[in-house]
Amino acid sequence: MSPQLPVVTGVELIRAFQRAGYSIVRQTGSHTFLAHPRNPRHLVNIPAHKKDMKPSTLRSILFYADVSVEELLTWL
C-alpha cells in the first residue's frame, strides 16, 4: 500500500524536486517550470504558492513527473 501524501507547500515541493536533480528552467507568474537533466524537454509545472497544496494537485504533479510518493518522501 502506498504511503499517505505529505502536506507540502509549492515552495517546499520545488526545493524537494531540486534536491532530486531537477533545475528551474523558468518562472511565469506564480508557476515554476522544472526540468530533469535526463530529459530536459519534459517540464514539470509547480505552483510556487506558500499555502498548503491540495492533495489532488500534488498527486497530479507526481503523476506527470512519474514520481512515486515514496520517492518524494525521501526528497523531503
PDB file of N, CA and C in Angstrom:
ATOM      1  N   MET A   1       0.831  -1.173   0.000  1.00  0.00           N
ATOM      2  CA  MET A   1       0.000   0.000   0.000  1.00  0.00           C
ATOM      3  C   MET A   1       0.882   1.245   0.000  1.00  0.00           C
ATOM      4  N   SER A   2       0.491   2.209  -0.743  1.00  0.00           N
ATOM      5  CA  SER A   2       1.257   3.443  -0.876  1.00  0.00           C
ATOM      6  C   SER A   2       1.134   4.306   0.376  1.00  0.00           C
ATOM      7  N   PRO A   3       2.232   4.963   0.779  1.00  0.00           N
ATOM      8  CA  PRO A   3       2.134   5.843   1.941  1.00  0.00           C
ATOM      9  C   PRO A   3       1.258   7.056   1.652  1.00  0.00           C
ATOM     10  N   GLN A   4       0.819   7.687   2.721  1.00  0.00           N
ATOM     11  CA  GLN A   4      -0.062   8.840   2.597  1.00  0.00           C
ATOM     12  C   GLN A   4       0.705  10.034   2.023  1.00  0.00           C
ATOM     13  N   LEU A   5       0.000  10.829   1.239  1.00  0.00           N
ATOM     14  CA  LEU A   5       0.606  12.031   0.661  1.00  0.00           C
ATOM     15  C   LEU A   5       0.982  13.012   1.764  1.00  0.00           C
ATOM     16  N   PRO A   6       2.167  13.612   1.670  1.00  0.00           N
ATOM     17  CA  PRO A   6       2.535  14.611   2.665  1.00  0.00           C
ATOM     18  C   PRO A   6       1.822  15.933   2.395  1.00  0.00           C
ATOM     19  N   VAL A   7       1.729  16.758   3.410  1.00  0.00           N
ATOM     20  CA  VAL A   7       1.175  18.099   3.251  1.00  0.00           C
ATOM     21  C   VAL A   7       2.363  19.028   3.028  1.00  0.00           C
ATOM     22  N   VAL A   8       2.455  19.581   1.812  1.00  0.00           N
ATOM     23  CA  VAL A   8       3.572  20.456   1.458  1.00  0.00           C
ATOM     24  C   VAL A   8       3.043  21.704   0.772  1.00  0.00           C
ATOM     25  N   THR A   9       3.872  22.732   0.789  1.00  0.00           N
ATOM     26  CA  THR A   9       3.564  23.932   0.019  1.00  0.00           C
ATOM     27  C   THR A   9       4.262  23.812  -1.324  1.00  0.00           C
ATOM     28  N   GLY A  10       3.928  24.697  -2.227  1.00  0.00           N
ATOM     29  CA  GLY A  10       4.580  24.685  -3.525  1.00  0.00           C
ATOM     30  C   GLY A  10       6.067  24.958  -3.429  1.00  0.00           C
ATOM     31  N   VAL A  11       6.452  25.864  -2.535  1.00  0.00           N
ATOM     32  CA  VAL A  11       7.867  26.208  -2.352  1.00  0.00           C
ATOM     33  C   VAL A  11       8.637  24.996  -1.832  1.00  0.00           C
ATOM     34  N   GLU A  12       8.069  24.252  -0.879  1.00  0.00           N
ATOM     35  CA  GLU A  12       8.720  23.056  -0.357  1.00  0.00           C
ATOM     36  C   GLU A  12       8.850  21.977  -1.436  1.00  0.00           C
ATOM     37  N   LEU A  13       7.829  21.864  -2.275  1.00  0.00           N
ATOM     38  CA  LEU A  13       7.862  20.864  -3.350  1.00  0.00           C
ATOM     39  C   LEU A  13       8.937  21.211  -4.382  1.00  0.00           C
ATOM     40  N   ILE A  14       9.079  22.486  -4.702  1.00  0.00           N
ATOM     41  CA  ILE A  14      10.123  22.906  -5.638  1.00  0.00           C
ATOM     42  C   ILE A  14      11.495  22.567  -5.074  1.00  0.00           C
ATOM     43  N   ARG A  15      11.720  22.838  -3.785  1.00  0.00           N
ATOM     44  CA  ARG A  15      13.008  22.511  -3.151  1.00  0.00           C
ATOM     45  C   ARG A  15      13.273  21.006  -3.178  1.00  0.00           C
ATOM     46  N   ALA A  16      12.231  20.210  -2.952  1.00  0.00           N
ATOM     47  CA  ALA A  16      12.385  18.759  -2.970  1.00  0.00           C
ATOM     48  C   ALA A  16      12.785  18.277  -4.363  1.00  0.00           C
ATOM     49  N   PHE A  17      12.140  18.814  -5.396  1.00  0.00           N
ATOM     50  CA  PHE A  17      12.494  18.428  -6.767  1.00  0.00           C
ATOM     51  C   PHE A  17      13.915  18.869  -7.106  1.00  0.00           C
ATOM     52  N   GLN A  18      14.344  20.005  -6.595  1.00  0.00           N
ATOM     53  CA  GLN A  18      15.716  20.452  -6.845  1.00  0.00           C
ATOM     54  C   GLN A  18      16.722  19.523  -6.177  1.00  0.00           C
ATOM     55  N   ARG A  19      16.410  19.017  -4.991  1.00  0.00           N
ATOM     56  CA  ARG A  19      17.287  18.051  -4.328  1.00  0.00           C
ATOM     57  C   ARG A  19      17.421  16.768  -5.152  1.00  0.00           C
ATOM     58  N   ALA A  20      16.400  16.466  -5.938  1.00  0.00           N
ATOM     59  CA  ALA A  20      16.404  15.250  -6.751  1.00  0.00           C
ATOM     60  C   ALA A  20      17.100  15.453  -8.093  1.00  0.00           C
ATOM     61  N   GLY A  21      17.592  16.656  -8.350  1.00  0.00           N
ATOM     62  CA  GLY A  21      18.322  16.888  -9.587  1.00  0.00           C
ATOM     63  C   GLY A  21      17.607  17.753 -10.596  1.00  0.00           C
ATOM     64  N   TYR A  22      16.379  18.109 -10.346  1.00  0.00           N
ATOM     65  CA  TYR A  22      15.644  18.986 -11.255  1.00  0.00           C
ATOM     66  C   TYR A  22      16.195  20.401 -11.129  1.00  0.00           C
ATOM     67  N   SER A  23      16.120  21.148 -12.200  1.00  0.00           N
ATOM     68  CA  SER A  23      16.570  22.541 -12.170  1.00  0.00           C
ATOM     69  C   SER A  23      15.458  23.436 -12.700  1.00  0.00           C
ATOM     70  N   ILE A  24      15.424  24.661 -12.199  1.00  0.00           N
ATOM     71  CA  ILE A  24      14.411  25.620 -12.626  1.00  0.00           C
ATOM     72  C   ILE A  24      14.768  26.129 -14.016  1.00  0.00           C
ATOM     73  N   VAL A  25      13.824  26.010 -14.929  1.00  0.00           N
ATOM     74  CA  VAL A  25      14.015  26.458 -16.301  1.00  0.00           C
ATOM     75  C   VAL A  25      13.497  27.885 -16.456  1.00  0.00           C
ATOM     76  N   ARG A  26      12.294  28.108 -15.926  1.00  0.00           N
ATOM     77  CA  ARG A  26      11.712  29.447 -15.997  1.00  0.00           C
ATOM     78  C   ARG A  26      10.589  29.555 -14.978  1.00  0.00           C
ATOM     79  N   GLN A  27      10.160  30.793 -14.761  1.00  0.00           N
ATOM     80  CA  GLN A  27       9.024  31.038 -13.885  1.00  0.00           C
ATOM     81  C   GLN A  27       8.110  32.025 -14.576  1.00  0.00           C
ATOM     82  N   THR A  28       6.849  31.660 -14.664  1.00  0.00           N
ATOM     83  CA  THR A  28       5.845  32.513 -15.281  1.00  0.00           C
ATOM     84  C   THR A  28       4.787  32.790 -14.221  1.00  0.00           C
ATOM     85  N   GLY A  29       4.744  34.005 -13.747  1.00  0.00           N
ATOM     86  CA  GLY A  29       3.813  34.345 -12.682  1.00  0.00           C
ATOM     87  C   GLY A  29       4.151  33.561 -11.435  1.00  0.00           C
ATOM     88  N   SER A  30       3.183  32.830 -10.906  1.00  0.00           N
ATOM     89  CA  SER A  30       3.427  32.056  -9.692  1.00  0.00           C
ATOM     90  C   SER A  30       3.716  30.585  -9.983  1.00  0.00           C
ATOM     91  N   HIS A  31       3.966  30.237 -11.223  1.00  0.00           N
ATOM     92  CA  HIS A  31       4.246  28.850 -11.580  1.00  0.00           C
ATOM     93  C   HIS A  31       5.695  28.695 -12.004  1.00  0.00           C
ATOM     94  N   THR A  32       6.346  27.688 -11.452  1.00  0.00           N
ATOM     95  CA  THR A  32       7.746  27.411 -11.738  1.00  0.00           C
ATOM     96  C   THR A  32       7.827  26.155 -12.584  1.00  0.00           C
ATOM     97  N   PHE A  33       8.647  26.194 -13.611  1.00  0.00           N
ATOM     98  CA  PHE A  33       8.841  25.063 -14.511  1.00  0.00           C
ATOM     99  C   PHE A  33      10.211  24.464 -14.250  1.00  0.00           C
ATOM    100  N   LEU A  34      10.240  23.164 -13.957  1.00  0.00           N
ATOM    101  CA  LEU A  34      11.481  22.467 -13.671  1.00  0.00           C
ATOM    102  C   LEU A  34      11.719  21.378 -14.707  1.00  0.00           C
ATOM    103  N   ALA A  35      13.003  21.119 -14.976  1.00  0.00           N
ATOM    104  CA  ALA A  35      13.377  20.065 -15.920  1.00  0.00           C
ATOM    105  C   ALA A  35      14.436  19.190 -15.274  1.00  0.00           C
ATOM    106  N   HIS A  36      14.421  17.914 -15.632  1.00  0.00           N
ATOM    107  CA  HIS A  36      15.418  16.973 -15.132  1.00  0.00           C
ATOM    108  C   HIS A  36      16.520  16.842 -16.181  1.00  0.00           C
ATOM    109  N   PRO A  37      17.786  16.701 -15.769  1.00  0.00           N
ATOM    110  CA  PRO A  37      18.875  16.590 -16.746  1.00  0.00           C
ATOM    111  C   PRO A  37      18.729  15.417 -17.716  1.00  0.00           C
ATOM    112  N   ARG A  38      18.088  14.310 -17.277  1.00  0.00           N
ATOM    113  CA  ARG A  38      17.908  13.172 -18.181  1.00  0.00           C
ATOM    114  C   ARG A  38      16.998  13.503 -19.353  1.00  0.00           C
ATOM    115  N   ASN A  39      15.979  14.340 -19.096  1.00  0.00           N
ATOM    116  CA  ASN A  39      15.004  14.660 -20.125  1.00  0.00           C
ATOM    117  C   ASN A  39      14.641  16.145 -20.005  1.00  0.00           C
ATOM    118  N   PRO A  40      15.493  17.048 -20.496  1.00  0.00           N
ATOM    119  CA  PRO A  40      15.250  18.481 -20.305  1.00  0.00           C
ATOM    120  C   PRO A  40      14.023  19.021 -21.029  1.00  0.00           C
ATOM    121  N   ARG A  41      13.478  18.280 -21.968  1.00  0.00           N
ATOM    122  CA  ARG A  41      12.282  18.763 -22.679  1.00  0.00           C
ATOM    123  C   ARG A  41      10.997  18.493 -21.912  1.00  0.00           C
ATOM    124  N   HIS A  42      11.062  17.579 -20.946  1.00  0.00           N
ATOM    125  CA  HIS A  42       9.886  17.250 -20.140  1.00  0.00           C
ATOM    126  C   HIS A  42       9.880  18.188 -18.929  1.00  0.00           C
ATOM    127  N   LEU A  43       9.006  19.182 -18.957  1.00  0.00           N
ATOM    128  CA  LEU A  43       8.945  20.167 -17.887  1.00  0.00           C
ATOM    129  C   LEU A  43       7.854  19.793 -16.883  1.00  0.00           C
ATOM    130  N   VAL A  44       8.146  20.033 -15.621  1.00  0.00           N
ATOM    131  CA  VAL A  44       7.181  19.825 -14.545  1.00  0.00           C
ATOM    132  C   VAL A  44       6.774  21.202 -14.048  1.00  0.00           C
ATOM    133  N   ASN A  45       5.484  21.458 -14.021  1.00  0.00           N
ATOM    134  CA  ASN A  45       4.935  22.753 -13.634  1.00  0.00           C
ATOM    135  C   ASN A  45       4.452  22.686 -12.193  1.00  0.00           C
ATOM    136  N   ILE A  46       5.050  23.523 -11.321  1.00  0.00           N
ATOM    137  CA  ILE A  46       4.670  23.527  -9.909  1.00  0.00           C
ATOM    138  C   ILE A  46       4.265  24.943  -9.513  1.00  0.00           C
ATOM    139  N   PRO A  47       3.080  25.118  -8.933  1.00  0.00           N
ATOM    140  CA  PRO A  47       2.691  26.445  -8.458  1.00  0.00           C
ATOM    141  C   PRO A  47       3.517  26.815  -7.227  1.00  0.00           C
ATOM    142  N   ALA A  48       4.157  27.966  -7.256  1.00  0.00           N
ATOM    143  CA  ALA A  48       5.061  28.390  -6.176  1.00  0.00           C
ATOM    144  C   ALA A  48       4.306  29.164  -5.112  1.00  0.00           C
ATOM    145  N   HIS A  49       3.265  28.565  -4.577  1.00  0.00           N
ATOM    146  CA  HIS A  49       2.469  29.215  -3.549  1.00  0.00           C
ATOM    147  C   HIS A  49       2.998  28.837  -2.174  1.00  0.00           C
ATOM    148  N   LYS A  50       2.720  29.684  -1.192  1.00  0.00           N
ATOM    149  CA  LYS A  50       3.178  29.407   0.167  1.00  0.00           C
ATOM    150  C   LYS A  50       2.095  28.775   1.027  1.00  0.00           C
ATOM    151  N   LYS A  51       0.961  28.433   0.426  1.00  0.00           N
ATOM    152  CA  LYS A  51      -0.086  27.750   1.176  1.00  0.00           C
ATOM    153  C   LYS A  51      -0.030  26.258   0.850  1.00  0.00           C
ATOM    154  N   ASP A  52      -0.649  25.455   1.703  1.00  0.00           N
ATOM    155  CA  ASP A  52      -0.636  24.006   1.507  1.00  0.00           C
ATOM    156  C   ASP A  52      -1.300  23.630   0.189  1.00  0.00           C
ATOM    157  N   MET A  53      -0.660  22.687  -0.494  1.00  0.00           N
ATOM    158  CA  MET A  53      -1.157  22.244  -1.785  1.00  0.00           C
ATOM    159  C   MET A  53      -2.272  21.217  -1.585  1.00  0.00           C
ATOM    160  N   LYS A  54      -3.278  21.285  -2.428  1.00  0.00           N
ATOM    161  CA  LYS A  54      -4.361  20.303  -2.373  1.00  0.00           C
ATOM    162  C   LYS A  54      -3.799  18.929  -2.741  1.00  0.00           C
ATOM    163  N   PRO A  55      -4.301  17.882  -2.111  1.00  0.00           N
ATOM    164  CA  PRO A  55      -3.819  16.533  -2.430  1.00  0.00           C
ATOM    165  C   PRO A  55      -3.980  16.171  -3.903  1.00  0.00           C
ATOM    166  N   SER A  56      -5.064  16.604  -4.512  1.00  0.00           N
ATOM    167  CA  SER A  56      -5.280  16.270  -5.923  1.00  0.00           C
ATOM    168  C   SER A  56      -4.246  16.952  -6.815  1.00  0.00           C
ATOM    169  N   THR A  57      -3.847  18.161  -6.473  1.00  0.00           N
ATOM    170  CA  THR A  57      -2.822  18.870  -7.249  1.00  0.00           C
ATOM    171  C   THR A  57      -1.475  18.188  -7.091  1.00  0.00           C
ATOM    172  N   LEU A  58      -1.132  17.835  -5.866  1.00  0.00           N
ATOM    173  CA  LEU A  58       0.129  17.145  -5.615  1.00  0.00           C
ATOM    174  C   LEU A  58       0.169  15.807  -6.333  1.00  0.00           C
ATOM    175  N   ARG A  59      -0.922  15.065  -6.268  1.00  0.00           N
ATOM    176  CA  ARG A  59      -0.995  13.763  -6.944  1.00  0.00           C
ATOM    177  C   ARG A  59      -0.824  13.931  -8.460  1.00  0.00           C
ATOM    178  N   SER A  60      -1.417  14.976  -9.017  1.00  0.00           N
ATOM    179  CA  SER A  60      -1.309  15.236 -10.448  1.00  0.00           C
ATOM    180  C   SER A  60       0.131  15.573 -10.844  1.00  0.00           C
ATOM    181  N   ILE A  61       0.802  16.389 -10.047  1.00  0.00           N
ATOM    182  CA  ILE A  61       2.199  16.750 -10.326  1.00  0.00           C
ATOM    183  C   ILE A  61       3.083  15.511 -10.271  1.00  0.00           C
ATOM    184  N   LEU A  62       2.890  14.675  -9.244  1.00  0.00           N
ATOM    185  CA  LEU A  62       3.690  13.459  -9.113  1.00  0.00           C
ATOM    186  C   LEU A  62       3.434  12.500 -10.264  1.00  0.00           C
ATOM    187  N   PHE A  63       2.189  12.376 -10.691  1.00  0.00           N
ATOM    188  CA  PHE A  63       1.856  11.504 -11.818  1.00  0.00           C
ATOM    189  C   PHE A  63       2.536  11.999 -13.093  1.00  0.00           C
ATOM    190  N   TYR A  64       2.450  13.298 -13.354  1.00  0.00           N
ATOM    191  CA  TYR A  64       3.031  13.858 -14.572  1.00  0.00           C
ATOM    192  C   TYR A  64       4.552  13.725 -14.568  1.00  0.00           C
ATOM    193  N   ALA A  65       5.172  13.893 -13.393  1.00  0.00           N
ATOM    194  CA  ALA A  65       6.630  13.793 -13.289  1.00  0.00           C
ATOM    195  C   ALA A  65       7.100  12.350 -13.179  1.00  0.00           C
ATOM    196  N   ASP A  66       6.158  11.402 -13.076  1.00  0.00           N
ATOM    197  CA  ASP A  66       6.471   9.978 -12.912  1.00  0.00           C
ATOM    198  C   ASP A  66       7.312   9.757 -11.654  1.00  0.00           C
ATOM    199  N   VAL A  67       6.837  10.319 -10.544  1.00  0.00           N
ATOM    200  CA  VAL A  67       7.497  10.222  -9.251  1.00  0.00           C
ATOM    201  C   VAL A  67       6.523   9.571  -8.277  1.00  0.00           C
ATOM    202  N   SER A  68       7.005   8.607  -7.514  1.00  0.00           N
ATOM    203  CA  SER A  68       6.143   7.953  -6.527  1.00  0.00           C
ATOM    204  C   SER A  68       6.148   8.750  -5.220  1.00  0.00           C
ATOM    205  N   VAL A  69       5.197   8.445  -4.377  1.00  0.00           N
ATOM    206  CA  VAL A  69       5.104   9.118  -3.081  1.00  0.00           C
ATOM    207  C   VAL A  69       6.331   8.760  -2.235  1.00  0.00           C
ATOM    208  N   GLU A  70       6.798   7.517  -2.347  1.00  0.00           N
ATOM    209  CA  GLU A  70       7.986   7.098  -1.610  1.00  0.00           C
ATOM    210  C   GLU A  70       9.206   7.923  -2.001  1.00  0.00           C
ATOM    211  N   GLU A  71       9.378   8.142  -3.308  1.00  0.00           N
ATOM    212  CA  GLU A  71      10.493   8.973  -3.778  1.00  0.00           C
ATOM    213  C   GLU A  71      10.390  10.386  -3.230  1.00  0.00           C
ATOM    214  N   LEU A  72       9.204  10.948  -3.291  1.00  0.00           N
ATOM    215  CA  LEU A  72       9.004  12.305  -2.794  1.00  0.00           C
ATOM    216  C   LEU A  72       9.342  12.397  -1.318  1.00  0.00           C
ATOM    217  N   LEU A  73       8.944  11.420  -0.543  1.00  0.00           N
ATOM    218  CA  LEU A  73       9.247  11.436   0.894  1.00  0.00           C
ATOM    219  C   LEU A  73      10.739  11.400   1.173  1.00  0.00           C
ATOM    220  N   THR A  74      11.519  10.727   0.329  1.00  0.00           N
ATOM    221  CA  THR A  74      12.973  10.728   0.516  1.00  0.00           C
ATOM    222  C   THR A  74      13.576  12.084   0.157  1.00  0.00           C
ATOM    223  N   TRP A  75      12.961  12.793  -0.779  1.00  0.00           N
ATOM    224  CA  TRP A  75      13.469  14.099  -1.182  1.00  0.00           C
ATOM    225  C   TRP A  75      13.155  15.173  -0.150  1.00  0.00           C
ATOM    226  N   LEU A  76      12.048  15.003   0.558  1.00  0.00           N
ATOM    227  CA  LEU A  76      11.663  15.978   1.577  1.00  0.00           C
ATOM    228  C   LEU A  76      12.555  15.777   2.765  1.00  0.00           C
TER     229      LEU A  76
END
